[in-house]
Amino acid sequence: MDKKMFDELMTGAKQMRDHAAGKKVAGVREVVREIKPPRPLAKEDIIRLRRKLRVSQAAFALLLNTSAATVRAWEQGVNTPSGSTLRLLAIARKNPEALFTV
């Protein structure tokens, strides 16, 4: 290993040590805001949102890029949305028209 590569590795190791100790390190971003996961939605919440949008289950599924069977399962309480769909539904609850803008 040449000296330049060794020096780069040592610099990186020192930066990792400093970062782990809570020191500021150039080039490392800090999280400034805590981001909480969206709360789970009950079947009634999903039905209420769909009705507020005045769309059918099939149209709601298209807006969420999922299947009508999935929406039906949510509304019957057989399944619940999760992951990115849950985040999208949280956004739609605050701003329902957002689903129509894309």
PDB file of N, CA and C in Angstrom:
ATOM      1  N   MET A   1       0.856  -1.166   0.000  1.00  0.00           N
ATOM      2  CA  MET A   1       0.000   0.000   0.000  1.00  0.00           C
ATOM      3  C   MET A   1       0.904   1.231   0.000  1.00  0.00           C
ATOM      4  N   ASP A   2       0.585   2.178  -0.871  1.00  0.00           N
ATOM      5  CA  ASP A   2       1.421   3.379  -0.929  1.00  0.00           C
ATOM      6  C   ASP A   2       1.032   4.364   0.180  1.00  0.00           C
ATOM      7  N   LYS A   3       1.901   5.330   0.426  1.00  0.00           N
ATOM      8  CA  LYS A   3       1.722   6.284   1.520  1.00  0.00           C
ATOM      9  C   LYS A   3       0.449   7.107   1.371  1.00  0.00           C
ATOM     10  N   LYS A   4       0.114   7.520   0.138  1.00  0.00           N
ATOM     11  CA  LYS A   4      -1.072   8.344  -0.081  1.00  0.00           C
ATOM     12  C   LYS A   4      -2.336   7.589   0.332  1.00  0.00           C
ATOM     13  N   MET A   5      -2.448   6.338  -0.073  1.00  0.00           N
ATOM     14  CA  MET A   5      -3.616   5.534   0.263  1.00  0.00           C
ATOM     15  C   MET A   5      -3.689   5.325   1.775  1.00  0.00           C
ATOM     16  N   PHE A   6      -2.538   5.052   2.406  1.00  0.00           N
ATOM     17  CA  PHE A   6      -2.503   4.862   3.855  1.00  0.00           C
ATOM     18  C   PHE A   6      -2.971   6.125   4.583  1.00  0.00           C
ATOM     19  N   ASP A   7      -2.497   7.275   4.131  1.00  0.00           N
ATOM     20  CA  ASP A   7      -2.888   8.546   4.747  1.00  0.00           C
ATOM     21  C   ASP A   7      -4.392   8.783   4.622  1.00  0.00           C
ATOM     22  N   GLU A   8      -4.970   8.452   3.450  1.00  0.00           N
ATOM     23  CA  GLU A   8      -6.410   8.609   3.259  1.00  0.00           C
ATOM     24  C   GLU A   8      -7.198   7.692   4.199  1.00  0.00           C
ATOM     25  N   LEU A   9      -6.729   6.462   4.347  1.00  0.00           N
ATOM     26  CA  LEU A   9      -7.392   5.524   5.255  1.00  0.00           C
ATOM     27  C   LEU A   9      -7.315   6.009   6.698  1.00  0.00           C
ATOM     28  N   MET A  10      -6.161   6.523   7.094  1.00  0.00           N
ATOM     29  CA  MET A  10      -5.997   7.023   8.460  1.00  0.00           C
ATOM     30  C   MET A  10      -6.882   8.246   8.707  1.00  0.00           C
ATOM     31  N   THR A  11      -6.975   9.124   7.714  1.00  0.00           N
ATOM     32  CA  THR A  11      -7.849  10.292   7.838  1.00  0.00           C
ATOM     33  C   THR A  11      -9.290   9.835   8.031  1.00  0.00           C
ATOM     34  N   GLY A  12      -9.718   8.869   7.224  1.00  0.00           N
ATOM     35  CA  GLY A  12     -11.081   8.337   7.346  1.00  0.00           C
ATOM     36  C   GLY A  12     -11.326   7.692   8.697  1.00  0.00           C
ATOM     37  N   ALA A  13     -10.364   6.952   9.198  1.00  0.00           N
ATOM     38  CA  ALA A  13     -10.499   6.296  10.502  1.00  0.00           C
ATOM     39  C   ALA A  13     -10.617   7.344  11.613  1.00  0.00           C
ATOM     40  N   LYS A  14      -9.824   8.403  11.517  1.00  0.00           N
ATOM     41  CA  LYS A  14      -9.886   9.470  12.525  1.00  0.00           C
ATOM     42  C   LYS A  14     -11.233  10.191  12.470  1.00  0.00           C
ATOM     43  N   GLN A  15     -11.747  10.408  11.262  1.00  0.00           N
ATOM     44  CA  GLN A  15     -13.048  11.059  11.123  1.00  0.00           C
ATOM     45  C   GLN A  15     -14.156  10.185  11.714  1.00  0.00           C
ATOM     46  N   MET A  16     -14.076   8.871  11.488  1.00  0.00           N
ATOM     47  CA  MET A  16     -15.072   7.958  12.069  1.00  0.00           C
ATOM     48  C   MET A  16     -15.015   8.006  13.593  1.00  0.00           C
ATOM     49  N   ARG A  17     -13.806   8.009  14.144  1.00  0.00           N
ATOM     50  CA  ARG A  17     -13.639   8.078  15.599  1.00  0.00           C
ATOM     51  C   ARG A  17     -14.254   9.371  16.144  1.00  0.00           C
ATOM     52  N   ASP A  18     -13.941  10.483  15.490  1.00  0.00           N
ATOM     53  CA  ASP A  18     -14.467  11.775  15.930  1.00  0.00           C
ATOM     54  C   ASP A  18     -15.993  11.815  15.836  1.00  0.00           C
ATOM     55  N   HIS A  19     -16.520  11.308  14.749  1.00  0.00           N
ATOM     56  CA  HIS A  19     -17.976  11.286  14.558  1.00  0.00           C
ATOM     57  C   HIS A  19     -18.647  10.449  15.642  1.00  0.00           C
ATOM     58  N   ALA A  20     -18.075   9.278  15.922  1.00  0.00           N
ATOM     59  CA  ALA A  20     -18.630   8.403  16.954  1.00  0.00           C
ATOM     60  C   ALA A  20     -18.573   9.067  18.331  1.00  0.00           C
ATOM     61  N   ALA A  21     -17.602   9.944  18.534  1.00  0.00           N
ATOM     62  CA  ALA A  21     -17.464  10.648  19.811  1.00  0.00           C
ATOM     63  C   ALA A  21     -18.362  11.872  19.890  1.00  0.00           C
ATOM     64  N   GLY A  22     -19.106  12.153  18.817  1.00  0.00           N
ATOM     65  CA  GLY A  22     -20.025  13.274  18.817  1.00  0.00           C
ATOM     66  C   GLY A  22     -19.440  14.576  18.319  1.00  0.00           C
ATOM     67  N   LYS A  23     -18.233  14.523  17.794  1.00  0.00           N
ATOM     68  CA  LYS A  23     -17.606  15.740  17.270  1.00  0.00           C
ATOM     69  C   LYS A  23     -18.085  15.992  15.850  1.00  0.00           C
ATOM     70  N   LYS A  24     -18.077  17.254  15.462  1.00  0.00           N
ATOM     71  CA  LYS A  24     -18.456  17.603  14.089  1.00  0.00           C
ATOM     72  C   LYS A  24     -17.331  17.202  13.148  1.00  0.00           C
ATOM     73  N   VAL A  25     -17.722  16.591  12.029  1.00  0.00           N
ATOM     74  CA  VAL A  25     -16.763  16.150  11.026  1.00  0.00           C
ATOM     75  C   VAL A  25     -17.184  16.749   9.688  1.00  0.00           C
ATOM     76  N   ALA A  26     -16.253  17.352   8.987  1.00  0.00           N
ATOM     77  CA  ALA A  26     -16.545  17.959   7.680  1.00  0.00           C
ATOM     78  C   ALA A  26     -17.091  16.896   6.735  1.00  0.00           C
ATOM     79  N   GLY A  27     -18.172  17.246   6.037  1.00  0.00           N
ATOM     80  CA  GLY A  27     -18.744  16.335   5.048  1.00  0.00           C
ATOM     81  C   GLY A  27     -19.798  15.384   5.600  1.00  0.00           C
ATOM     82  N   VAL A  28     -20.016  15.398   6.903  1.00  0.00           N
ATOM     83  CA  VAL A  28     -21.017  14.528   7.506  1.00  0.00           C
ATOM     84  C   VAL A  28     -22.234  15.379   7.863  1.00  0.00           C
ATOM     85  N   ARG A  29     -23.383  14.993   7.318  1.00  0.00           N
ATOM     86  CA  ARG A  29     -24.609  15.739   7.581  1.00  0.00           C
ATOM     87  C   ARG A  29     -25.232  15.286   8.885  1.00  0.00           C
ATOM     88  N   GLU A  30     -25.865  16.213   9.550  1.00  0.00           N
ATOM     89  CA  GLU A  30     -26.561  15.907  10.783  1.00  0.00           C
ATOM     90  C   GLU A  30     -28.064  15.955  10.548  1.00  0.00           C
ATOM     91  N   VAL A  31     -28.782  15.121  11.260  1.00  0.00           N
ATOM     92  CA  VAL A  31     -30.238  15.155  11.212  1.00  0.00           C
ATOM     93  C   VAL A  31     -30.688  16.297  12.107  1.00  0.00           C
ATOM     94  N   VAL A  32     -31.388  17.239  11.520  1.00  0.00           N
ATOM     95  CA  VAL A  32     -31.800  18.420  12.248  1.00  0.00           C
ATOM     96  C   VAL A  32     -33.212  18.259  12.802  1.00  0.00           C
ATOM     97  N   ARG A  33     -34.008  17.439  12.163  1.00  0.00           N
ATOM     98  CA  ARG A  33     -35.406  17.284  12.537  1.00  0.00           C
ATOM     99  C   ARG A  33     -35.709  15.804  12.727  1.00  0.00           C
ATOM    100  N   GLU A  34     -36.431  15.504  13.789  1.00  0.00           N
ATOM    101  CA  GLU A  34     -36.844  14.129  14.023  1.00  0.00           C
ATOM    102  C   GLU A  34     -38.039  13.820  13.126  1.00  0.00           C
ATOM    103  N   ILE A  35     -37.967  12.710  12.432  1.00  0.00           N
ATOM    104  CA  ILE A  35     -39.048  12.304  11.544  1.00  0.00           C
ATOM    105  C   ILE A  35     -39.690  11.054  12.126  1.00  0.00           C
ATOM    106  N   LYS A  36     -40.952  11.176  12.453  1.00  0.00           N
ATOM    107  CA  LYS A  36     -41.673  10.050  13.036  1.00  0.00           C
ATOM    108  C   LYS A  36     -42.398   9.291  11.933  1.00  0.00           C
ATOM    109  N   PRO A  37     -42.508   7.988  12.090  1.00  0.00           N
ATOM    110  CA  PRO A  37     -43.274   7.228  11.104  1.00  0.00           C
ATOM    111  C   PRO A  37     -44.751   7.594  11.204  1.00  0.00           C
ATOM    112  N   PRO A  38     -45.475   7.482  10.091  1.00  0.00           N
ATOM    113  CA  PRO A  38     -46.908   7.799  10.142  1.00  0.00           C
ATOM    114  C   PRO A  38     -47.643   6.790  11.025  1.00  0.00           C
ATOM    115  N   ARG A  39     -48.695   7.260  11.652  1.00  0.00           N
ATOM    116  CA  ARG A  39     -49.459   6.361  12.522  1.00  0.00           C
ATOM    117  C   ARG A  39     -50.267   5.385  11.668  1.00  0.00           C
ATOM    118  N   PRO A  40     -50.485   4.194  12.176  1.00  0.00           N
ATOM    119  CA  PRO A  40     -51.305   3.224  11.435  1.00  0.00           C
ATOM    120  C   PRO A  40     -52.715   3.763  11.227  1.00  0.00           C
ATOM    121  N   LEU A  41     -53.341   3.342  10.147  1.00  0.00           N
ATOM    122  CA  LEU A  41     -54.703   3.785   9.854  1.00  0.00           C
ATOM    123  C   LEU A  41     -55.681   2.643  10.072  1.00  0.00           C
ATOM    124  N   ALA A  42     -56.794   2.955  10.710  1.00  0.00           N
ATOM    125  CA  ALA A  42     -57.876   1.988  10.868  1.00  0.00           C
ATOM    126  C   ALA A  42     -58.666   1.937   9.565  1.00  0.00           C
ATOM    127  N   LYS A  43     -59.420   0.874   9.393  1.00  0.00           N
ATOM    128  CA  LYS A  43     -60.205   0.734   8.164  1.00  0.00           C
ATOM    129  C   LYS A  43     -61.154   1.911   7.977  1.00  0.00           C
ATOM    130  N   GLU A  44     -61.683   2.450   9.091  1.00  0.00           N
ATOM    131  CA  GLU A  44     -62.595   3.586   9.003  1.00  0.00           C
ATOM    132  C   GLU A  44     -61.886   4.842   8.471  1.00  0.00           C
ATOM    133  N   ASP A  45     -60.617   4.991   8.836  1.00  0.00           N
ATOM    134  CA  ASP A  45     -59.835   6.131   8.347  1.00  0.00           C
ATOM    135  C   ASP A  45     -59.661   6.065   6.832  1.00  0.00           C
ATOM    136  N   ILE A  46     -59.418   4.872   6.333  1.00  0.00           N
ATOM    137  CA  ILE A  46     -59.217   4.700   4.887  1.00  0.00           C
ATOM    138  C   ILE A  46     -60.517   4.951   4.144  1.00  0.00           C
ATOM    139  N   ILE A  47     -61.603   4.415   4.667  1.00  0.00           N
ATOM    140  CA  ILE A  47     -62.917   4.635   4.046  1.00  0.00           C
ATOM    141  C   ILE A  47     -63.243   6.126   4.038  1.00  0.00           C
ATOM    142  N   ARG A  48     -63.001   6.792   5.172  1.00  0.00           N
ATOM    143  CA  ARG A  48     -63.293   8.228   5.283  1.00  0.00           C
ATOM    144  C   ARG A  48     -62.482   9.031   4.262  1.00  0.00           C
ATOM    145  N   LEU A  49     -61.191   8.701   4.116  1.00  0.00           N
ATOM    146  CA  LEU A  49     -60.347   9.417   3.157  1.00  0.00           C
ATOM    147  C   LEU A  49     -60.827   9.186   1.729  1.00  0.00           C
ATOM    148  N   ARG A  50     -61.146   7.946   1.394  1.00  0.00           N
ATOM    149  CA  ARG A  50     -61.616   7.644   0.032  1.00  0.00           C
ATOM    150  C   ARG A  50     -62.911   8.381  -0.265  1.00  0.00           C
ATOM    151  N   ARG A  51     -63.810   8.397   0.700  1.00  0.00           N
ATOM    152  CA  ARG A  51     -65.084   9.089   0.494  1.00  0.00           C
ATOM    153  C   ARG A  51     -64.891  10.599   0.401  1.00  0.00           C
ATOM    154  N   LYS A  52     -63.940  11.122   1.170  1.00  0.00           N
ATOM    155  CA  LYS A  52     -63.639  12.550   1.098  1.00  0.00           C
ATOM    156  C   LYS A  52     -63.143  12.924  -0.294  1.00  0.00           C
ATOM    157  N   LEU A  53     -62.394  12.004  -0.916  1.00  0.00           N
ATOM    158  CA  LEU A  53     -61.911  12.227  -2.278  1.00  0.00           C
ATOM    159  C   LEU A  53     -62.995  11.986  -3.321  1.00  0.00           C
ATOM    160  N   ARG A  54     -64.092  11.367  -2.881  1.00  0.00           N
ATOM    161  CA  ARG A  54     -65.230  11.070  -3.755  1.00  0.00           C
ATOM    162  C   ARG A  54     -64.827  10.185  -4.934  1.00  0.00           C
ATOM    163  N   VAL A  55     -64.118   9.087  -4.601  1.00  0.00           N
ATOM    164  CA  VAL A  55     -63.698   8.136  -5.631  1.00  0.00           C
ATOM    165  C   VAL A  55     -64.085   6.725  -5.216  1.00  0.00           C
ATOM    166  N   SER A  56     -64.175   5.855  -6.204  1.00  0.00           N
ATOM    167  CA  SER A  56     -64.464   4.448  -5.942  1.00  0.00           C
ATOM    168  C   SER A  56     -63.212   3.759  -5.414  1.00  0.00           C
ATOM    169  N   GLN A  57     -63.383   2.520  -4.964  1.00  0.00           N
ATOM    170  CA  GLN A  57     -62.219   1.752  -4.518  1.00  0.00           C
ATOM    171  C   GLN A  57     -61.222   1.573  -5.665  1.00  0.00           C
ATOM    172  N   ALA A  58     -61.735   1.336  -6.866  1.00  0.00           N
ATOM    173  CA  ALA A  58     -60.852   1.142  -8.021  1.00  0.00           C
ATOM    174  C   ALA A  58     -60.074   2.423  -8.339  1.00  0.00           C
ATOM    175  N   ALA A  59     -60.746   3.572  -8.296  1.00  0.00           N
ATOM    176  CA  ALA A  59     -60.076   4.837  -8.568  1.00  0.00           C
ATOM    177  C   ALA A  59     -59.066   5.173  -7.465  1.00  0.00           C
ATOM    178  N   PHE A  60     -59.440   4.883  -6.220  1.00  0.00           N
ATOM    179  CA  PHE A  60     -58.529   5.107  -5.096  1.00  0.00           C
ATOM    180  C   PHE A  60     -57.273   4.260  -5.261  1.00  0.00           C
ATOM    181  N   ALA A  61     -57.466   3.027  -5.685  1.00  0.00           N
ATOM    182  CA  ALA A  61     -56.330   2.130  -5.924  1.00  0.00           C
ATOM    183  C   ALA A  61     -55.410   2.702  -6.999  1.00  0.00           C
ATOM    184  N   LEU A  62     -55.985   3.250  -8.064  1.00  0.00           N
ATOM    185  CA  LEU A  62     -55.165   3.864  -9.115  1.00  0.00           C
ATOM    186  C   LEU A  62     -54.370   5.055  -8.578  1.00  0.00           C
ATOM    187  N   LEU A  63     -55.008   5.858  -7.740  1.00  0.00           N
ATOM    188  CA  LEU A  63     -54.325   7.013  -7.161  1.00  0.00           C
ATOM    189  C   LEU A  63     -53.143   6.598  -6.283  1.00  0.00           C
ATOM    190  N   LEU A  64     -53.276   5.439  -5.636  1.00  0.00           N
ATOM    191  CA  LEU A  64     -52.228   4.953  -4.736  1.00  0.00           C
ATOM    192  C   LEU A  64     -51.283   3.956  -5.407  1.00  0.00           C
ATOM    193  N   ASN A  65     -51.537   3.677  -6.681  1.00  0.00           N
ATOM    194  CA  ASN A  65     -50.719   2.721  -7.434  1.00  0.00           C
ATOM    195  C   ASN A  65     -50.734   1.332  -6.778  1.00  0.00           C
ATOM    196  N   THR A  66     -51.929   0.906  -6.438  1.00  0.00           N
ATOM    197  CA  THR A  66     -52.109  -0.424  -5.872  1.00  0.00           C
ATOM    198  C   THR A  66     -53.342  -1.050  -6.505  1.00  0.00           C
ATOM    199  N   SER A  67     -53.737  -2.206  -6.056  1.00  0.00           N
ATOM    200  CA  SER A  67     -54.895  -2.871  -6.669  1.00  0.00           C
ATOM    201  C   SER A  67     -56.174  -2.572  -5.895  1.00  0.00           C
ATOM    202  N   ALA A  68     -57.288  -2.717  -6.580  1.00  0.00           N
ATOM    203  CA  ALA A  68     -58.587  -2.534  -5.938  1.00  0.00           C
ATOM    204  C   ALA A  68     -58.779  -3.586  -4.846  1.00  0.00           C
ATOM    205  N   ALA A  69     -58.253  -4.774  -5.056  1.00  0.00           N
ATOM    206  CA  ALA A  69     -58.352  -5.836  -4.045  1.00  0.00           C
ATOM    207  C   ALA A  69     -57.626  -5.425  -2.763  1.00  0.00           C
ATOM    208  N   THR A  70     -56.516  -4.741  -2.906  1.00  0.00           N
ATOM    209  CA  THR A  70     -55.771  -4.273  -1.730  1.00  0.00           C
ATOM    210  C   THR A  70     -56.582  -3.235  -0.965  1.00  0.00           C
ATOM    211  N   VAL A  71     -57.163  -2.281  -1.683  1.00  0.00           N
ATOM    212  CA  VAL A  71     -57.995  -1.259  -1.036  1.00  0.00           C
ATOM    213  C   VAL A  71     -59.179  -1.922  -0.342  1.00  0.00           C
ATOM    214  N   ARG A  72     -59.787  -2.885  -1.006  1.00  0.00           N
ATOM    215  CA  ARG A  72     -60.925  -3.604  -0.426  1.00  0.00           C
ATOM    216  C   ARG A  72     -60.495  -4.311   0.871  1.00  0.00           C
ATOM    217  N   ALA A  73     -59.315  -4.932   0.859  1.00  0.00           N
ATOM    218  CA  ALA A  73     -58.810  -5.626   2.056  1.00  0.00           C
ATOM    219  C   ALA A  73     -58.560  -4.645   3.197  1.00  0.00           C
ATOM    220  N   TRP A  74     -58.047  -3.463   2.881  1.00  0.00           N
ATOM    221  CA  TRP A  74     -57.843  -2.434   3.912  1.00  0.00           C
ATOM    222  C   TRP A  74     -59.181  -2.036   4.525  1.00  0.00           C
ATOM    223  N   GLU A  75     -60.155  -1.779   3.666  1.00  0.00           N
ATOM    224  CA  GLU A  75     -61.449  -1.295   4.130  1.00  0.00           C
ATOM    225  C   GLU A  75     -62.237  -2.362   4.889  1.00  0.00           C
ATOM    226  N   GLN A  76     -61.935  -3.625   4.644  1.00  0.00           N
ATOM    227  CA  GLN A  76     -62.590  -4.709   5.371  1.00  0.00           C
ATOM    228  C   GLN A  76     -61.817  -5.089   6.638  1.00  0.00           C
ATOM    229  N   GLY A  77     -60.642  -4.492   6.819  1.00  0.00           N
ATOM    230  CA  GLY A  77     -59.827  -4.796   7.983  1.00  0.00           C
ATOM    231  C   GLY A  77     -59.046  -6.083   7.885  1.00  0.00           C
ATOM    232  N   VAL A  78     -58.991  -6.661   6.686  1.00  0.00           N
ATOM    233  CA  VAL A  78     -58.246  -7.895   6.466  1.00  0.00           C
ATOM    234  C   VAL A  78     -56.744  -7.623   6.448  1.00  0.00           C
ATOM    235  N   ASN A  79     -56.380  -6.459   5.942  1.00  0.00           N
ATOM    236  CA  ASN A  79     -54.979  -6.068   5.810  1.00  0.00           C
ATOM    237  C   ASN A  79     -54.874  -4.588   6.161  1.00  0.00           C
ATOM    238  N   THR A  80     -53.662  -4.118   6.414  1.00  0.00           N
ATOM    239  CA  THR A  80     -53.454  -2.698   6.698  1.00  0.00           C
ATOM    240  C   THR A  80     -52.310  -2.173   5.836  1.00  0.00           C
ATOM    241  N   PRO A  81     -52.398  -0.919   5.424  1.00  0.00           N
ATOM    242  CA  PRO A  81     -51.307  -0.345   4.634  1.00  0.00           C
ATOM    243  C   PRO A  81     -50.058  -0.183   5.492  1.00  0.00           C
ATOM    244  N   SER A  82     -48.914  -0.244   4.829  1.00  0.00           N
ATOM    245  CA  SER A  82     -47.653  -0.079   5.552  1.00  0.00           C
ATOM    246  C   SER A  82     -46.635   0.599   4.644  1.00  0.00           C
ATOM    247  N   GLY A  83     -45.494   0.889   5.192  1.00  0.00           N
ATOM    248  CA  GLY A  83     -44.385   1.434   4.423  1.00  0.00           C
ATOM    249  C   GLY A  83     -44.715   2.732   3.709  1.00  0.00           C
ATOM    250  N   SER A  84     -44.291   2.792   2.455  1.00  0.00           N
ATOM    251  CA  SER A  84     -44.471   4.027   1.682  1.00  0.00           C
ATOM    252  C   SER A  84     -45.945   4.337   1.431  1.00  0.00           C
ATOM    253  N   THR A  85     -46.788   3.324   1.365  1.00  0.00           N
ATOM    254  CA  THR A  85     -48.222   3.568   1.173  1.00  0.00           C
ATOM    255  C   THR A  85     -48.807   4.268   2.390  1.00  0.00           C
ATOM    256  N   LEU A  86     -48.364   3.873   3.569  1.00  0.00           N
ATOM    257  CA  LEU A  86     -48.842   4.515   4.783  1.00  0.00           C
ATOM    258  C   LEU A  86     -48.417   5.987   4.816  1.00  0.00           C
ATOM    259  N   ARG A  87     -47.192   6.273   4.360  1.00  0.00           N
ATOM    260  CA  ARG A  87     -46.719   7.660   4.292  1.00  0.00           C
ATOM    261  C   ARG A  87     -47.560   8.448   3.284  1.00  0.00           C
ATOM    262  N   LEU A  88     -47.826   7.847   2.116  1.00  0.00           N
ATOM    263  CA  LEU A  88     -48.629   8.511   1.095  1.00  0.00           C
ATOM    264  C   LEU A  88     -50.042   8.799   1.604  1.00  0.00           C
ATOM    265  N   LEU A  89     -50.618   7.868   2.320  1.00  0.00           N
ATOM    266  CA  LEU A  89     -51.952   8.080   2.891  1.00  0.00           C
ATOM    267  C   LEU A  89     -51.929   9.196   3.937  1.00  0.00           C
ATOM    268  N   ALA A  90     -50.858   9.279   4.711  1.00  0.00           N
ATOM    269  CA  ALA A  90     -50.738  10.357   5.708  1.00  0.00           C
ATOM    270  C   ALA A  90     -50.678  11.716   5.017  1.00  0.00           C
ATOM    271  N   ILE A  91     -49.952  11.792   3.915  1.00  0.00           N
ATOM    272  CA  ILE A  91     -49.879  13.035   3.138  1.00  0.00           C
ATOM    273  C   ILE A  91     -51.258  13.364   2.574  1.00  0.00           C
ATOM    274  N   ALA A  92     -51.938  12.354   2.043  1.00  0.00           N
ATOM    275  CA  ALA A  92     -53.264  12.559   1.453  1.00  0.00           C
ATOM    276  C   ALA A  92     -54.286  12.996   2.503  1.00  0.00           C
ATOM    277  N   ARG A  93     -54.131  12.538   3.728  1.00  0.00           N
ATOM    278  CA  ARG A  93     -55.063  12.967   4.782  1.00  0.00           C
ATOM    279  C   ARG A  93     -54.912  14.454   5.078  1.00  0.00           C
ATOM    280  N   LYS A  94     -53.676  14.953   5.013  1.00  0.00           N
ATOM    281  CA  LYS A  94     -53.446  16.382   5.271  1.00  0.00           C
ATOM    282  C   LYS A  94     -53.781  17.237   4.060  1.00  0.00           C
ATOM    283  N   ASN A  95     -53.549  16.684   2.873  1.00  0.00           N
ATOM    284  CA  ASN A  95     -53.793  17.422   1.637  1.00  0.00           C
ATOM    285  C   ASN A  95     -54.359  16.451   0.598  1.00  0.00           C
ATOM    286  N   PRO A  96     -55.648  16.157   0.673  1.00  0.00           N
ATOM    287  CA  PRO A  96     -56.260  15.161  -0.206  1.00  0.00           C
ATOM    288  C   PRO A  96     -56.034  15.407  -1.696  1.00  0.00           C
ATOM    289  N   GLU A  97     -55.997  16.670  -2.088  1.00  0.00           N
ATOM    290  CA  GLU A  97     -55.837  16.981  -3.516  1.00  0.00           C
ATOM    291  C   GLU A  97     -54.450  16.616  -4.028  1.00  0.00           C
ATOM    292  N   ALA A  98     -53.507  16.363  -3.115  1.00  0.00           N
ATOM    293  CA  ALA A  98     -52.143  16.014  -3.535  1.00  0.00           C
ATOM    294  C   ALA A  98     -52.131  14.765  -4.408  1.00  0.00           C
ATOM    295  N   LEU A  99     -53.055  13.856  -4.178  1.00  0.00           N
ATOM    296  CA  LEU A  99     -53.099  12.625  -4.977  1.00  0.00           C
ATOM    297  C   LEU A  99     -53.458  12.899  -6.433  1.00  0.00           C
ATOM    298  N   PHE A 100     -54.129  13.998  -6.681  1.00  0.00           N
ATOM    299  CA  PHE A 100     -54.557  14.312  -8.044  1.00  0.00           C
ATOM    300  C   PHE A 100     -53.560  15.167  -8.807  1.00  0.00           C
ATOM    301  N   THR A 101     -52.511  15.643  -8.142  1.00  0.00           N
ATOM    302  CA  THR A 101     -51.589  16.572  -8.791  1.00  0.00           C
ATOM    303  C   THR A 101     -50.485  15.907  -9.581  1.00  0.00           C
ATOM    304  N   VAL A 102     -50.292  14.637  -9.425  1.00  0.00           N
ATOM    305  CA  VAL A 102     -49.196  13.950 -10.116  1.00  0.00           C
ATOM    306  C   VAL A 102     -49.630  13.470 -11.486  1.00  0.00           C
TER     307      VAL A 102
END
